[in-house]
Amino acid sequence: MAKNAPDLSPTDAGRVLTVTEFTRRVKEVLKGGLPPGWVRGEVSNLRAQASGHVYFSLKDAGAQLACVLFRGDATRQSVKLRDGQQVLAYGEVDVYEARGQYQFITRALIEHGAGQLQQELEQLKQRLAAEGLFDAADKKPLPLLPRTIGLITSPTGAAVQDFIRILQRRRWTGRLVVLPAKVQGEGAAAELVAMLRTAEALKIFDLLVIGRGGGSIEDLWAFNEEPLVRAVAACAVPIISAVGHEIDYTLCDFAADVRAETPSGAAELISSDFLAVTERVRSAGGNMEDIIATRAERARQQLDHARSRLRLLSPAAAIEQNHLRLDDLRNRLDSALRASVQHRRETLGTARARLAAVSPEKRVQGESHRLLALWKRLESASPPSVLKRGYAIVRDAEGRPVSRAKGVKAGQPLVNEFHDGKLQVRVE
């Protein structure tokens, strides 16, 4: 038994409380001893639920109080709550028995001025802006296609997974290096500064991203600390600040070369240029294909024109043979356009060889056969051929042919010429 603990007698054992009973007694003591009243503090960890209930904390330099504003009360408030806001809250204390946690049930709110952290942030922002730390003229342009990116953040946060998931979904092909550092709490700003300087010293990064997911102003305060803000502004490598959600602004956002609303927004910004270049490459490839197709069509038209001229210039007997050759050349045109000069010379040599094979000799041979046939016909009509068929030629004494009986005189000598000789006769 622990030291100073009293002995548990049988009578005391009957008075042992369960956790539920003890918690209810605490609740009765708190509610009975603390009547409803006003509490002043700074709003932080503000969360509005879909049910309409609003959860937040009120804090000052020494303590923090969990508060809840139920939907019915929330709809009657004119104050629009935000982190860092100083308010006066009226309500009563209660105990949430399931967790054994006491909380302040808020019934009314009155704004009490800007919170201390917001005042410090605004004062530091004005001082650094007056030094020119946030001047737009000093911002470095982001590289169009960074090959190596350094992400300075907590390696266990959701921001890392979101960042990587978006880059993978958009098929970004560079290299990402996660540079681990604390992103909230004591010493976080110093770790972030050290990691930022390490990234610069490595000289391997084309672009740096520094940031984390959303949170209260206290959670994000490391990104408002002056040493880190100055380190971001002085960074030699182009840097994107991606801290919190869309409504969150830190001084690192103003000091960086570019602000992204969230770490996911930074990944989309980086990959957008990559996607744009990829689209331009794809478009250029399509344009190149269109140019090739246009030139191929023009070449086909030129080939058709050449074929038409060939029909007019070539011998009629060669045209039918050339049809097959022209069709073959047209089918091979697309590949010939992409071939080397040597391949074109070989193709031209092949075409010349084929053209040489189509000569007028065939027509000359045909004409020779026709002339031979004419000669045979002429030969069959010659006098010797006629005489062989049983005819004879009658000539007078001077050798002139006698074609008519009229004019021939009695006693006139004649010569009858047969195919095998001549016979002299006299007219009676």
Protein backbone atom coordinates (compact mmCIF):
# COMPACT_ATOMS: atom_id res chain seq x y z
CA MET A 1 0.00 0.00 0.00
CA ALA A 2 1.26 3.49 -0.86
CA LYS A 3 2.80 5.57 1.90
CA ASN A 4 0.37 7.81 3.87
CA ALA A 5 -2.64 5.97 2.37
CA PRO A 6 -5.11 4.96 5.13
CA ASP A 7 -6.07 1.38 5.65
CA LEU A 8 -9.28 0.30 3.91
CA SER A 9 -11.64 -1.00 6.57
CA PRO A 10 -14.77 -3.06 5.77
CA THR A 11 -16.86 -0.03 6.67
CA ASP A 12 -14.89 2.22 4.28
CA ALA A 13 -15.16 -0.31 1.46
CA GLY A 14 -18.87 0.36 1.25
CA ARG A 15 -18.20 4.03 0.59
CA VAL A 16 -15.78 3.56 -2.41
CA LEU A 17 -16.94 5.67 -5.38
CA THR A 18 -17.01 4.63 -8.99
CA VAL A 19 -15.43 6.94 -11.57
CA THR A 20 -18.86 8.06 -12.68
CA GLU A 21 -19.94 8.84 -9.12
CA PHE A 22 -16.75 10.76 -8.41
CA THR A 23 -17.08 12.76 -11.62
CA ARG A 24 -20.67 13.68 -10.80
CA ARG A 25 -19.61 14.92 -7.37
CA VAL A 26 -16.92 17.09 -9.00
CA LYS A 27 -19.58 18.42 -11.35
CA GLU A 28 -21.88 19.27 -8.45
CA VAL A 29 -19.07 21.00 -6.58
CA LEU A 30 -18.04 23.08 -9.60
CA LYS A 31 -21.55 24.04 -10.61
CA GLY A 32 -22.54 24.82 -7.04
CA GLY A 33 -19.42 26.79 -6.22
CA LEU A 34 -19.06 28.74 -9.50
CA PRO A 35 -22.17 30.69 -10.48
CA PRO A 36 -22.57 31.96 -14.07
CA GLY A 37 -20.31 34.89 -14.89
CA TRP A 38 -18.06 36.67 -17.39
CA VAL A 39 -14.61 35.43 -18.54
CA ARG A 40 -12.14 37.42 -20.63
CA GLY A 41 -9.60 35.75 -22.92
CA GLU A 42 -8.20 35.26 -26.41
CA VAL A 43 -9.97 32.89 -28.84
CA SER A 44 -7.92 29.97 -30.18
CA ASN A 45 -8.49 26.48 -31.64
CA LEU A 46 -11.80 27.65 -33.13
CA ARG A 47 -13.85 24.83 -34.68
CA ALA A 48 -17.35 25.12 -36.10
CA GLN A 49 -19.13 21.77 -36.44
CA ALA A 50 -21.68 20.79 -39.08
CA SER A 51 -24.20 20.46 -36.24
CA GLY A 52 -23.97 24.22 -35.65
CA HIS A 53 -22.11 23.92 -32.33
CA VAL A 54 -18.91 25.96 -32.00
CA TYR A 55 -15.91 24.78 -29.96
CA PHE A 56 -13.00 27.03 -29.00
CA SER A 57 -10.61 27.88 -26.20
CA LEU A 58 -10.17 31.06 -24.21
CA LYS A 59 -6.64 31.68 -23.03
CA ASP A 60 -4.35 34.22 -21.50
CA ALA A 61 -0.68 34.14 -20.55
CA GLY A 62 -1.23 31.67 -17.73
CA ALA A 63 -4.08 29.28 -18.53
CA GLN A 64 -6.53 27.94 -21.10
CA LEU A 65 -10.26 27.27 -20.81
CA ALA A 66 -12.23 24.90 -23.08
CA CYS A 67 -15.48 26.48 -24.26
CA VAL A 68 -18.53 25.39 -26.23
CA LEU A 69 -21.21 27.56 -27.83
CA PHE A 70 -24.24 25.44 -28.65
CA ARG A 71 -26.18 26.00 -31.86
CA GLY A 72 -29.13 27.81 -30.28
CA ASP A 73 -26.83 30.30 -28.53
CA ALA A 74 -24.54 30.59 -31.54
CA THR A 75 -27.34 31.78 -33.82
CA ARG A 76 -28.07 34.70 -31.47
CA GLN A 77 -24.52 36.10 -31.39
CA SER A 78 -23.51 39.18 -33.40
CA VAL A 79 -19.78 38.53 -32.85
CA LYS A 80 -18.04 36.64 -35.67
CA LEU A 81 -15.45 34.54 -33.86
CA ARG A 82 -11.91 34.16 -35.20
CA ASP A 83 -8.63 32.93 -33.79
CA GLY A 84 -6.65 35.59 -31.94
CA GLN A 85 -9.74 37.62 -31.08
CA GLN A 86 -10.14 39.02 -27.54
CA VAL A 87 -13.68 38.48 -26.22
CA LEU A 88 -15.78 38.61 -23.05
CA ALA A 89 -17.75 35.37 -22.68
CA TYR A 90 -20.73 34.90 -20.34
CA GLY A 91 -21.69 31.39 -19.21
CA GLU A 92 -21.33 28.70 -16.59
CA VAL A 93 -18.97 25.84 -15.90
CA ASP A 94 -19.99 22.24 -16.59
CA VAL A 95 -18.33 18.84 -16.68
CA TYR A 96 -18.38 16.55 -19.72
CA GLU A 97 -18.62 13.31 -17.75
CA ALA A 98 -17.62 10.97 -20.59
CA ARG A 99 -14.15 12.53 -20.62
CA GLY A 100 -13.99 13.93 -17.13
CA GLN A 101 -13.31 17.35 -18.68
CA TYR A 102 -14.70 20.61 -17.45
CA GLN A 103 -15.71 23.26 -19.98
CA PHE A 104 -17.27 26.68 -20.09
CA ILE A 105 -20.80 26.65 -21.56
CA THR A 106 -20.91 30.01 -23.35
CA ARG A 107 -24.21 31.85 -23.61
CA ALA A 108 -23.14 35.31 -24.84
CA LEU A 109 -20.06 36.94 -26.39
CA ILE A 110 -18.76 40.50 -26.60
CA GLU A 111 -15.69 41.45 -28.66
CA HIS A 112 -12.97 42.96 -26.44
CA GLY A 113 -10.32 44.08 -28.99
CA ALA A 114 -7.51 42.39 -30.94
CA GLY A 115 -5.67 39.55 -29.27
CA GLN A 116 -2.16 39.98 -27.96
CA LEU A 117 -0.67 37.58 -30.54
CA GLN A 118 -2.41 39.39 -33.38
CA GLN A 119 -1.06 42.70 -32.10
CA GLU A 120 2.48 41.34 -31.95
CA LEU A 121 2.12 39.86 -35.43
CA GLU A 122 0.88 43.14 -36.91
CA GLN A 123 3.66 45.16 -35.26
CA LEU A 124 6.35 42.78 -36.57
CA LYS A 125 4.79 42.76 -40.03
CA GLN A 126 4.82 46.58 -40.22
CA ARG A 127 8.44 46.76 -39.03
CA LEU A 128 9.71 44.18 -41.52
CA ALA A 129 7.67 45.72 -44.35
CA ALA A 130 9.26 49.11 -43.57
CA GLU A 131 12.69 47.49 -44.04
CA GLY A 132 11.64 46.35 -47.53
CA LEU A 133 11.69 42.67 -46.59
CA PHE A 134 8.43 42.02 -48.47
CA ASP A 135 9.11 44.14 -51.60
CA ALA A 136 7.74 42.57 -54.77
CA ALA A 137 10.75 43.78 -56.77
CA ASP A 138 13.00 41.41 -54.81
CA LYS A 139 10.92 38.30 -55.52
CA LYS A 140 12.65 35.62 -57.61
CA PRO A 141 10.71 33.94 -60.43
CA LEU A 142 9.95 30.26 -59.96
CA PRO A 143 11.71 27.84 -62.35
CA LEU A 144 9.44 26.61 -65.11
CA LEU A 145 10.41 22.94 -64.75
CA PRO A 146 12.21 22.34 -61.45
CA ARG A 147 13.96 18.97 -61.48
CA THR A 148 14.72 18.80 -57.74
CA ILE A 149 12.40 20.23 -55.07
CA GLY A 150 13.04 20.43 -51.34
CA LEU A 151 9.98 20.28 -49.02
CA ILE A 152 10.74 21.65 -45.54
CA THR A 153 8.02 20.41 -43.19
CA SER A 154 7.15 17.77 -40.62
CA PRO A 155 7.72 14.32 -42.17
CA THR A 156 4.75 12.88 -40.24
CA GLY A 157 2.19 15.55 -41.14
CA ALA A 158 -0.65 15.12 -43.61
CA ALA A 159 0.81 17.94 -45.70
CA VAL A 160 3.62 15.67 -46.95
CA GLN A 161 1.24 12.96 -48.12
CA ASP A 162 -1.07 15.48 -49.80
CA PHE A 163 1.88 17.13 -51.55
CA ILE A 164 3.24 13.80 -52.86
CA ARG A 165 -0.20 12.51 -53.85
CA ILE A 166 -0.94 15.54 -56.02
CA LEU A 167 2.46 15.40 -57.74
CA GLN A 168 1.97 11.69 -58.48
CA ARG A 169 -1.60 12.18 -59.70
CA ARG A 170 -0.43 14.86 -62.11
CA ARG A 171 2.53 12.68 -63.22
CA TRP A 172 5.25 15.13 -62.24
CA THR A 173 8.60 13.48 -63.03
CA GLY A 174 11.12 15.46 -60.96
CA ARG A 175 12.80 14.54 -57.66
CA LEU A 176 11.30 15.49 -54.30
CA VAL A 177 13.41 15.59 -51.13
CA VAL A 178 11.60 15.95 -47.78
CA LEU A 179 13.68 18.02 -45.33
CA PRO A 180 12.29 17.19 -41.86
CA ALA A 181 11.76 19.88 -39.22
CA LYS A 182 9.36 20.73 -36.37
CA VAL A 183 6.55 23.00 -37.52
CA GLN A 184 5.08 24.07 -34.21
CA GLY A 185 6.03 24.43 -30.59
CA GLU A 186 9.21 25.56 -28.91
CA GLY A 187 12.28 25.42 -31.12
CA ALA A 188 10.29 24.89 -34.33
CA ALA A 189 11.38 28.17 -35.93
CA ALA A 190 15.05 27.44 -35.17
CA GLU A 191 14.79 23.97 -36.79
CA LEU A 192 13.13 25.44 -39.85
CA VAL A 193 15.89 28.07 -40.19
CA ALA A 194 18.59 25.41 -39.83
CA MET A 195 16.99 23.16 -42.44
CA LEU A 196 16.53 26.10 -44.82
CA ARG A 197 20.25 26.94 -44.58
CA THR A 198 21.16 23.28 -45.06
CA ALA A 199 19.07 23.18 -48.23
CA GLU A 200 20.88 26.25 -49.56
CA ALA A 201 24.30 24.78 -48.74
CA LEU A 202 23.53 21.53 -50.60
CA LYS A 203 23.12 23.49 -53.87
CA ILE A 204 21.03 20.72 -55.45
CA PHE A 205 17.58 22.28 -55.27
CA ASP A 206 15.88 24.23 -58.04
CA LEU A 207 12.97 25.14 -55.76
CA LEU A 208 12.13 25.01 -52.04
CA VAL A 209 8.71 24.71 -50.39
CA ILE A 210 8.28 25.49 -46.70
CA GLY A 211 5.02 24.98 -44.84
CA ARG A 212 2.56 22.81 -42.94
CA GLY A 213 -1.16 22.15 -42.63
CA GLY A 214 -3.67 24.46 -40.99
CA GLY A 215 -4.12 25.25 -37.31
CA SER A 216 -4.65 28.01 -34.83
CA ILE A 217 -2.52 31.12 -34.72
CA GLU A 218 -0.50 29.48 -31.96
CA ASP A 219 0.09 26.37 -34.09
CA LEU A 220 1.34 28.51 -36.98
CA TRP A 221 3.32 30.95 -34.86
CA ALA A 222 6.73 29.49 -35.80
CA PHE A 223 6.20 30.83 -39.32
CA ASN A 224 5.76 34.33 -37.90
CA GLU A 225 8.99 34.40 -35.90
CA GLU A 226 11.45 37.00 -37.12
CA PRO A 227 14.54 34.75 -37.65
CA LEU A 228 12.62 32.41 -39.94
CA VAL A 229 10.95 35.25 -41.85
CA ARG A 230 14.33 36.87 -42.49
CA ALA A 231 15.85 33.54 -43.54
CA VAL A 232 13.03 32.97 -46.04
CA ALA A 233 13.44 36.47 -47.50
CA ALA A 234 17.23 35.99 -47.84
CA CYS A 235 17.05 32.49 -49.35
CA ALA A 236 19.06 32.26 -52.58
CA VAL A 237 16.85 29.46 -53.91
CA PRO A 238 13.33 30.39 -55.11
CA ILE A 239 10.93 29.48 -52.30
CA ILE A 240 7.19 28.92 -51.94
CA SER A 241 5.49 29.46 -48.58
CA ALA A 242 2.59 27.03 -48.10
CA VAL A 243 1.32 27.41 -44.54
CA GLY A 244 -2.13 26.50 -43.23
CA HIS A 245 -5.42 26.87 -45.08
CA GLU A 246 -6.65 29.48 -47.53
CA ILE A 247 -7.60 31.94 -44.76
CA ASP A 248 -4.30 31.57 -42.91
CA TYR A 249 -1.57 34.16 -43.50
CA THR A 250 1.87 34.15 -41.90
CA LEU A 251 4.82 36.50 -42.30
CA CYS A 252 6.64 33.76 -44.23
CA ASP A 253 3.93 34.13 -46.90
CA PHE A 254 4.96 37.77 -47.40
CA ALA A 255 8.71 37.03 -47.29
CA ALA A 256 8.65 34.10 -49.75
CA ASP A 257 8.85 34.53 -53.51
CA VAL A 258 5.39 33.00 -53.96
CA ARG A 259 2.59 32.16 -51.49
CA ALA A 260 0.47 29.04 -51.93
CA GLU A 261 -2.78 28.79 -50.00
CA THR A 262 -1.97 25.27 -48.79
CA PRO A 263 0.76 22.64 -49.29
CA SER A 264 -1.59 20.97 -51.77
CA GLY A 265 -1.91 24.31 -53.57
CA ALA A 266 1.89 24.48 -53.82
CA ALA A 267 1.98 21.01 -55.42
CA GLU A 268 -0.68 22.06 -57.91
CA LEU A 269 1.21 25.28 -58.71
CA ILE A 270 4.43 23.38 -59.38
CA SER A 271 2.80 20.65 -61.45
CA SER A 272 0.64 23.12 -63.42
CA ASP A 273 3.68 24.42 -65.31
CA PHE A 274 4.75 20.81 -65.87
CA LEU A 275 1.32 19.94 -67.24
CA ALA A 276 1.35 23.05 -69.46
CA VAL A 277 4.73 22.10 -70.96
CA THR A 278 3.56 18.52 -71.41
CA GLU A 279 0.48 19.78 -73.23
CA ARG A 280 2.62 22.01 -75.46
CA VAL A 281 4.84 19.02 -76.34
CA ARG A 282 1.77 16.94 -77.13
CA SER A 283 0.35 19.76 -79.24
CA ALA A 284 3.67 20.17 -81.06
CA GLY A 285 3.69 16.44 -81.79
CA GLY A 286 0.19 16.69 -83.20
CA ASN A 287 1.17 19.68 -85.34
CA MET A 288 4.18 17.77 -86.64
CA GLU A 289 1.95 14.85 -87.61
CA ASP A 290 -0.38 17.28 -89.41
CA ILE A 291 2.56 18.82 -91.29
CA ILE A 292 3.81 15.39 -92.35
CA ALA A 293 0.32 14.39 -93.47
CA THR A 294 -0.06 17.66 -95.43
CA ARG A 295 3.27 17.21 -97.16
CA ALA A 296 2.47 13.59 -97.93
CA GLU A 297 -0.85 14.65 -99.47
CA ARG A 298 0.91 17.34 -101.50
CA ALA A 299 3.41 14.77 -102.72
CA ARG A 300 0.56 12.46 -103.67
CA GLN A 301 -1.02 15.25 -105.69
CA GLN A 302 2.28 15.92 -107.42
CA LEU A 303 2.58 12.22 -108.16
CA ASP A 304 -0.92 12.16 -109.62
CA HIS A 305 0.00 15.15 -111.80
CA ALA A 306 3.18 13.44 -112.94
CA ARG A 307 1.20 10.32 -113.76
CA SER A 308 -1.20 12.37 -115.89
CA ARG A 309 1.73 13.86 -117.82
CA LEU A 310 3.23 10.42 -118.23
CA ARG A 311 0.05 9.21 -119.87
CA LEU A 312 0.45 11.92 -122.50
CA LEU A 313 4.19 11.39 -123.06
CA SER A 314 4.63 7.64 -122.79
CA PRO A 315 3.98 5.15 -125.63
CA ALA A 316 0.51 3.69 -125.43
CA ALA A 317 1.82 0.18 -124.97
CA ALA A 318 3.81 1.18 -121.82
CA ILE A 319 1.00 2.91 -119.96
CA GLU A 320 -0.66 -0.26 -118.64
CA GLN A 321 2.64 -1.48 -117.25
CA ASN A 322 3.35 1.88 -115.61
CA HIS A 323 0.03 1.82 -113.70
CA LEU A 324 1.33 -0.91 -111.42
CA ARG A 325 4.62 0.90 -110.87
CA LEU A 326 2.90 4.19 -110.03
CA ASP A 327 0.58 2.52 -107.52
CA ASP A 328 3.55 0.89 -105.87
CA LEU A 329 5.42 4.21 -105.67
CA ARG A 330 2.40 5.91 -104.10
CA ASN A 331 2.14 3.26 -101.38
CA ARG A 332 5.81 3.67 -100.58
CA LEU A 333 5.72 7.47 -100.54
CA ASP A 334 5.07 7.94 -96.81
CA SER A 335 8.05 5.85 -95.81
CA ALA A 336 10.22 7.40 -98.52
CA LEU A 337 9.61 10.92 -97.08
CA ARG A 338 11.18 9.87 -93.78
CA ALA A 339 14.05 7.90 -95.31
CA SER A 340 17.63 9.13 -95.53
CA VAL A 341 19.23 10.66 -98.61
CA GLN A 342 20.85 7.36 -99.41
CA HIS A 343 17.51 5.58 -99.32
CA ARG A 344 16.07 8.18 -101.68
CA ARG A 345 18.99 7.65 -104.08
CA GLU A 346 18.38 3.92 -103.98
CA THR A 347 14.68 4.45 -104.64
CA LEU A 348 15.49 6.77 -107.55
CA GLY A 349 17.95 4.23 -108.93
CA THR A 350 15.27 1.55 -108.74
CA ALA A 351 12.82 3.85 -110.54
CA ARG A 352 15.37 4.59 -113.27
CA ALA A 353 16.07 0.92 -113.72
CA ARG A 354 12.38 0.17 -114.07
CA LEU A 355 11.91 3.03 -116.50
CA ALA A 356 14.83 1.81 -118.60
CA ALA A 357 13.16 -1.58 -118.78
CA VAL A 358 10.10 0.01 -120.43
CA SER A 359 11.62 0.85 -123.93
CA PRO A 360 10.08 1.28 -127.48
CA GLU A 361 11.79 -1.94 -128.70
CA LYS A 362 8.58 -3.90 -128.28
CA ARG A 363 6.78 -1.52 -130.61
CA VAL A 364 9.60 -1.78 -133.19
CA GLN A 365 9.36 -5.56 -133.01
CA GLY A 366 5.60 -5.35 -133.59
CA GLU A 367 6.08 -3.06 -136.60
CA SER A 368 8.64 -5.47 -138.00
CA HIS A 369 6.13 -8.30 -137.85
CA ARG A 370 3.54 -6.09 -139.54
CA LEU A 371 5.98 -5.16 -142.33
CA LEU A 372 6.82 -8.83 -142.85
CA ALA A 373 3.13 -9.61 -143.24
CA LEU A 374 2.74 -6.77 -145.77
CA TRP A 375 5.78 -8.03 -147.66
CA LYS A 376 4.24 -11.49 -147.85
CA ARG A 377 0.99 -10.05 -149.17
CA LEU A 378 2.93 -8.04 -151.76
CA GLU A 379 4.94 -11.07 -152.72
CA SER A 380 1.74 -13.09 -153.26
CA ALA A 381 0.48 -10.41 -155.66
CA SER A 382 3.70 -10.22 -157.72
CA PRO A 383 3.71 -11.48 -161.44
CA PRO A 384 5.74 -14.60 -160.73
CA SER A 385 3.25 -15.64 -158.04
CA VAL A 386 0.35 -14.99 -160.44
CA LEU A 387 2.00 -17.06 -163.19
CA LYS A 388 2.44 -19.93 -160.77
CA ARG A 389 -1.31 -20.02 -160.25
CA GLY A 390 -1.85 -20.90 -164.02
CA TYR A 391 -1.97 -17.45 -165.57
CA ALA A 392 0.16 -16.28 -168.56
CA ILE A 393 1.35 -12.88 -169.84
CA VAL A 394 0.94 -12.10 -173.56
CA ARG A 395 3.62 -9.79 -174.97
CA ASP A 396 4.21 -8.43 -178.52
CA ALA A 397 7.48 -8.70 -180.45
CA GLU A 398 8.85 -5.65 -178.53
CA GLY A 399 8.03 -7.27 -175.16
CA ARG A 400 5.06 -4.99 -174.34
CA PRO A 401 2.13 -6.68 -172.55
CA VAL A 402 -0.96 -7.24 -174.71
CA SER A 403 -3.97 -6.68 -172.43
CA ARG A 404 -6.77 -6.71 -175.05
CA ALA A 405 -7.67 -8.84 -178.08
CA LYS A 406 -8.74 -5.77 -180.00
CA GLY A 407 -5.90 -4.41 -182.01
CA VAL A 408 -4.16 -7.74 -182.51
CA LYS A 409 -3.67 -8.52 -186.23
CA ALA A 410 -3.71 -11.85 -188.01
CA GLY A 411 -0.28 -13.24 -188.54
CA GLN A 412 1.16 -11.02 -185.77
CA PRO A 413 3.84 -12.83 -183.75
CA LEU A 414 3.30 -12.91 -179.92
CA VAL A 415 5.06 -14.37 -176.92
CA ASN A 416 3.16 -16.17 -174.13
CA GLU A 417 5.07 -16.05 -170.82
CA PHE A 418 4.36 -18.89 -168.35
CA HIS A 419 5.90 -19.44 -164.93
CA ASP A 420 8.20 -22.12 -166.35
CA GLY A 421 9.11 -20.44 -169.67
CA LYS A 422 8.01 -18.54 -172.82
CA LEU A 423 6.18 -19.76 -175.91
CA GLN A 424 6.21 -17.93 -179.31
CA VAL A 425 2.89 -17.98 -181.19
CA ARG A 426 1.31 -16.39 -184.29
CA VAL A 427 -2.20 -15.01 -184.56
CA GLU A 428 -4.50 -16.74 -187.07
